[in-house]
């Protein structure tokens, strides 16, 4: 049986995009393509909740940044 690996990389350019991505990953929003029975098997590295992740994200942002800056890069 062949095994495959997928690496998806996405630029996140706003705090809203970062929060939306975290809500999706932590299943705090409706995610119709995810099997709810397998959600407990998910693994997250770093934060354990959206609130914790957003606090860490905001604490690392510089005081000033360009309006078109990439604020985070999501790897899946």
N, C-alpha and C. Protein backbone atom coordinates (compact mmCIF):
# COMPACT_ATOMS: atom_id res chain seq x y z
N UNK A 1 0.84 -1.18 0.00
CA UNK A 1 0.00 0.00 0.00
C UNK A 1 0.89 1.24 0.00
N UNK A 2 0.65 2.14 -0.89
CA UNK A 2 1.44 3.38 -0.99
C UNK A 2 1.01 4.37 0.08
N UNK A 3 1.97 5.09 0.61
CA UNK A 3 1.68 6.13 1.58
C UNK A 3 2.07 7.47 0.98
N UNK A 4 1.31 8.48 1.31
CA UNK A 4 1.54 9.80 0.78
C UNK A 4 1.63 10.80 1.91
N UNK A 5 2.34 11.86 1.68
CA UNK A 5 2.42 12.96 2.64
C UNK A 5 2.02 14.24 1.91
N UNK A 6 1.35 15.11 2.62
CA UNK A 6 0.92 16.38 2.05
C UNK A 6 1.47 17.48 2.93
N UNK A 7 2.05 18.51 2.33
CA UNK A 7 2.48 19.69 3.06
C UNK A 7 1.80 20.88 2.41
N UNK A 8 0.98 21.55 3.19
CA UNK A 8 0.29 22.74 2.69
C UNK A 8 0.86 23.94 3.43
N UNK A 9 1.23 24.98 2.69
CA UNK A 9 1.78 26.20 3.26
C UNK A 9 0.90 27.35 2.83
N UNK A 10 0.54 28.20 3.81
CA UNK A 10 -0.32 29.34 3.49
C UNK A 10 0.14 30.56 4.26
N UNK A 11 0.21 31.70 3.57
CA UNK A 11 0.54 32.97 4.20
C UNK A 11 -0.71 33.53 4.86
N UNK A 12 -0.58 34.00 6.09
CA UNK A 12 -1.69 34.63 6.80
C UNK A 12 -1.31 36.10 7.00
N UNK A 13 -2.10 37.01 6.43
CA UNK A 13 -1.72 38.41 6.39
C UNK A 13 -2.51 39.29 7.34
N UNK A 14 -3.36 38.71 8.18
CA UNK A 14 -4.10 39.52 9.15
C UNK A 14 -4.37 38.68 10.41
N UNK A 15 -4.62 39.38 11.50
CA UNK A 15 -4.94 38.68 12.75
C UNK A 15 -6.23 37.89 12.60
N UNK A 16 -7.16 38.41 11.82
CA UNK A 16 -8.43 37.70 11.59
C UNK A 16 -8.16 36.38 10.87
N UNK A 17 -7.26 36.39 9.89
CA UNK A 17 -6.93 35.16 9.17
C UNK A 17 -6.27 34.14 10.09
N UNK A 18 -5.42 34.61 10.99
CA UNK A 18 -4.77 33.72 11.96
C UNK A 18 -5.81 33.10 12.88
N UNK A 19 -6.72 33.94 13.39
CA UNK A 19 -7.76 33.45 14.30
C UNK A 19 -8.69 32.47 13.59
N UNK A 20 -9.06 32.77 12.35
CA UNK A 20 -9.93 31.87 11.58
C UNK A 20 -9.25 30.52 11.37
N UNK A 21 -7.97 30.54 11.08
CA UNK A 21 -7.22 29.30 10.88
C UNK A 21 -7.17 28.48 12.17
N UNK A 22 -6.95 29.17 13.30
CA UNK A 22 -6.91 28.45 14.58
C UNK A 22 -8.28 27.88 14.94
N UNK A 23 -9.34 28.64 14.69
CA UNK A 23 -10.68 28.13 14.99
C UNK A 23 -10.97 26.88 14.17
N UNK A 24 -10.53 26.87 12.92
CA UNK A 24 -10.71 25.70 12.07
C UNK A 24 -9.91 24.52 12.63
N UNK A 25 -8.65 24.77 12.98
CA UNK A 25 -7.78 23.69 13.45
C UNK A 25 -8.25 23.11 14.78
N UNK A 26 -8.77 23.97 15.67
CA UNK A 26 -9.24 23.50 16.97
C UNK A 26 -10.71 23.09 16.94
N UNK A 27 -11.32 23.12 15.78
CA UNK A 27 -12.72 22.72 15.57
C UNK A 27 -13.68 23.55 16.42
N UNK A 28 -13.38 24.85 16.57
CA UNK A 28 -14.28 25.75 17.27
C UNK A 28 -15.27 26.41 16.31
N UNK A 29 -15.23 26.02 15.06
CA UNK A 29 -16.21 26.45 14.07
C UNK A 29 -16.64 25.22 13.29
N UNK A 30 -17.72 25.33 12.59
CA UNK A 30 -18.22 24.20 11.81
C UNK A 30 -17.19 23.83 10.74
N UNK A 31 -16.78 22.58 10.74
CA UNK A 31 -15.81 22.08 9.78
C UNK A 31 -16.41 20.84 9.13
N UNK A 32 -17.21 21.04 8.07
CA UNK A 32 -17.96 19.91 7.49
C UNK A 32 -17.09 18.81 6.88
N UNK A 33 -15.87 19.12 6.48
CA UNK A 33 -15.03 18.09 5.86
C UNK A 33 -14.24 17.28 6.89
N UNK A 34 -14.43 17.55 8.19
CA UNK A 34 -13.71 16.81 9.24
C UNK A 34 -14.64 15.79 9.88
N UNK A 35 -14.10 14.61 10.15
CA UNK A 35 -14.85 13.55 10.81
C UNK A 35 -14.84 13.82 12.31
N UNK A 36 -15.99 14.17 12.92
CA UNK A 36 -16.02 14.52 14.34
C UNK A 36 -15.55 13.40 15.27
N UNK A 37 -15.66 12.16 14.83
CA UNK A 37 -15.22 11.04 15.67
C UNK A 37 -13.69 10.96 15.75
N UNK A 38 -13.00 11.55 14.78
CA UNK A 38 -11.54 11.49 14.76
C UNK A 38 -10.89 12.75 15.34
N UNK A 39 -11.70 13.76 15.68
CA UNK A 39 -11.16 15.01 16.22
C UNK A 39 -10.28 14.79 17.46
N UNK A 40 -10.64 13.89 18.38
CA UNK A 40 -9.77 13.68 19.55
C UNK A 40 -8.37 13.17 19.19
N UNK A 41 -8.19 12.63 17.99
CA UNK A 41 -6.89 12.14 17.56
C UNK A 41 -5.97 13.25 17.04
N UNK A 42 -6.51 14.46 16.84
CA UNK A 42 -5.71 15.58 16.32
C UNK A 42 -4.60 15.95 17.29
N UNK A 43 -3.49 16.37 16.74
CA UNK A 43 -2.35 16.81 17.54
C UNK A 43 -2.02 18.25 17.17
N UNK A 44 -1.82 19.09 18.18
CA UNK A 44 -1.43 20.48 17.97
C UNK A 44 -0.10 20.72 18.68
N UNK A 45 0.80 21.38 18.00
CA UNK A 45 2.09 21.72 18.59
C UNK A 45 2.04 23.19 18.99
N UNK A 46 2.29 23.46 20.24
CA UNK A 46 2.25 24.85 20.72
C UNK A 46 1.04 25.08 21.59
N UNK A 47 0.14 25.92 21.13
CA UNK A 47 -1.04 26.32 21.91
C UNK A 47 -2.02 25.16 22.06
N UNK A 48 -2.82 25.24 23.12
CA UNK A 48 -3.85 24.23 23.37
C UNK A 48 -5.26 24.76 23.12
N UNK A 49 -5.38 26.04 22.75
CA UNK A 49 -6.68 26.63 22.45
C UNK A 49 -6.47 27.84 21.56
N UNK A 50 -7.56 28.33 20.98
CA UNK A 50 -7.49 29.52 20.14
C UNK A 50 -7.06 30.73 20.97
N UNK A 51 -7.63 30.86 22.17
CA UNK A 51 -7.29 32.01 23.03
C UNK A 51 -5.80 32.01 23.37
N UNK A 52 -5.28 30.84 23.71
CA UNK A 52 -3.85 30.73 24.04
C UNK A 52 -2.99 31.04 22.82
N UNK A 53 -3.38 30.53 21.67
CA UNK A 53 -2.64 30.76 20.44
C UNK A 53 -2.66 32.22 20.01
N UNK A 54 -3.81 32.87 20.12
CA UNK A 54 -3.90 34.28 19.75
C UNK A 54 -3.10 35.16 20.71
N UNK A 55 -3.09 34.82 21.99
CA UNK A 55 -2.29 35.57 22.96
C UNK A 55 -0.80 35.48 22.60
N UNK A 56 -0.35 34.28 22.27
CA UNK A 56 1.05 34.09 21.88
C UNK A 56 1.35 34.83 20.57
N UNK A 57 0.44 34.78 19.63
CA UNK A 57 0.61 35.47 18.35
C UNK A 57 0.73 36.98 18.57
N UNK A 58 -0.18 37.55 19.33
CA UNK A 58 -0.17 39.00 19.57
C UNK A 58 1.07 39.44 20.35
N UNK A 59 1.54 38.61 21.27
CA UNK A 59 2.72 38.98 22.06
C UNK A 59 3.99 39.02 21.21
N UNK A 60 3.98 38.32 20.08
CA UNK A 60 5.16 38.27 19.22
C UNK A 60 5.14 39.28 18.08
N UNK A 61 4.01 39.95 17.88
CA UNK A 61 3.94 40.95 16.81
C UNK A 61 4.75 42.18 17.19
N UNK A 62 5.45 42.77 16.23
CA UNK A 62 6.15 44.03 16.53
C UNK A 62 5.13 45.16 16.68
N UNK A 63 5.56 46.27 17.28
CA UNK A 63 4.67 47.41 17.46
C UNK A 63 4.17 47.96 16.12
N UNK A 64 5.07 47.98 15.14
CA UNK A 64 4.71 48.49 13.82
C UNK A 64 5.09 47.44 12.77
N UNK A 65 4.23 47.29 11.78
CA UNK A 65 4.52 46.42 10.66
C UNK A 65 3.77 46.92 9.44
N UNK A 66 4.24 46.56 8.27
CA UNK A 66 3.62 47.02 7.02
C UNK A 66 2.20 46.47 6.91
N UNK A 67 1.33 47.23 6.29
CA UNK A 67 -0.05 46.77 6.17
C UNK A 67 -0.18 45.56 5.26
N UNK A 68 0.80 45.32 4.39
CA UNK A 68 0.75 44.14 3.52
C UNK A 68 1.70 43.03 4.01
N UNK A 69 2.13 43.12 5.26
CA UNK A 69 3.07 42.13 5.80
C UNK A 69 2.41 40.77 5.99
N UNK A 70 3.21 39.74 5.84
CA UNK A 70 2.77 38.38 6.18
C UNK A 70 3.01 38.23 7.68
N UNK A 71 1.94 38.02 8.44
CA UNK A 71 2.04 37.96 9.90
C UNK A 71 2.33 36.55 10.40
N UNK A 72 1.96 35.55 9.64
CA UNK A 72 2.21 34.17 10.05
C UNK A 72 2.20 33.28 8.81
N UNK A 73 2.84 32.15 8.95
CA UNK A 73 2.81 31.14 7.89
C UNK A 73 2.28 29.86 8.51
N UNK A 74 1.24 29.33 7.92
CA UNK A 74 0.60 28.12 8.42
C UNK A 74 1.13 26.92 7.64
N UNK A 75 1.58 25.91 8.36
CA UNK A 75 2.00 24.65 7.77
C UNK A 75 1.04 23.57 8.22
N UNK A 76 0.58 22.79 7.29
CA UNK A 76 -0.32 21.68 7.62
C UNK A 76 0.22 20.43 6.94
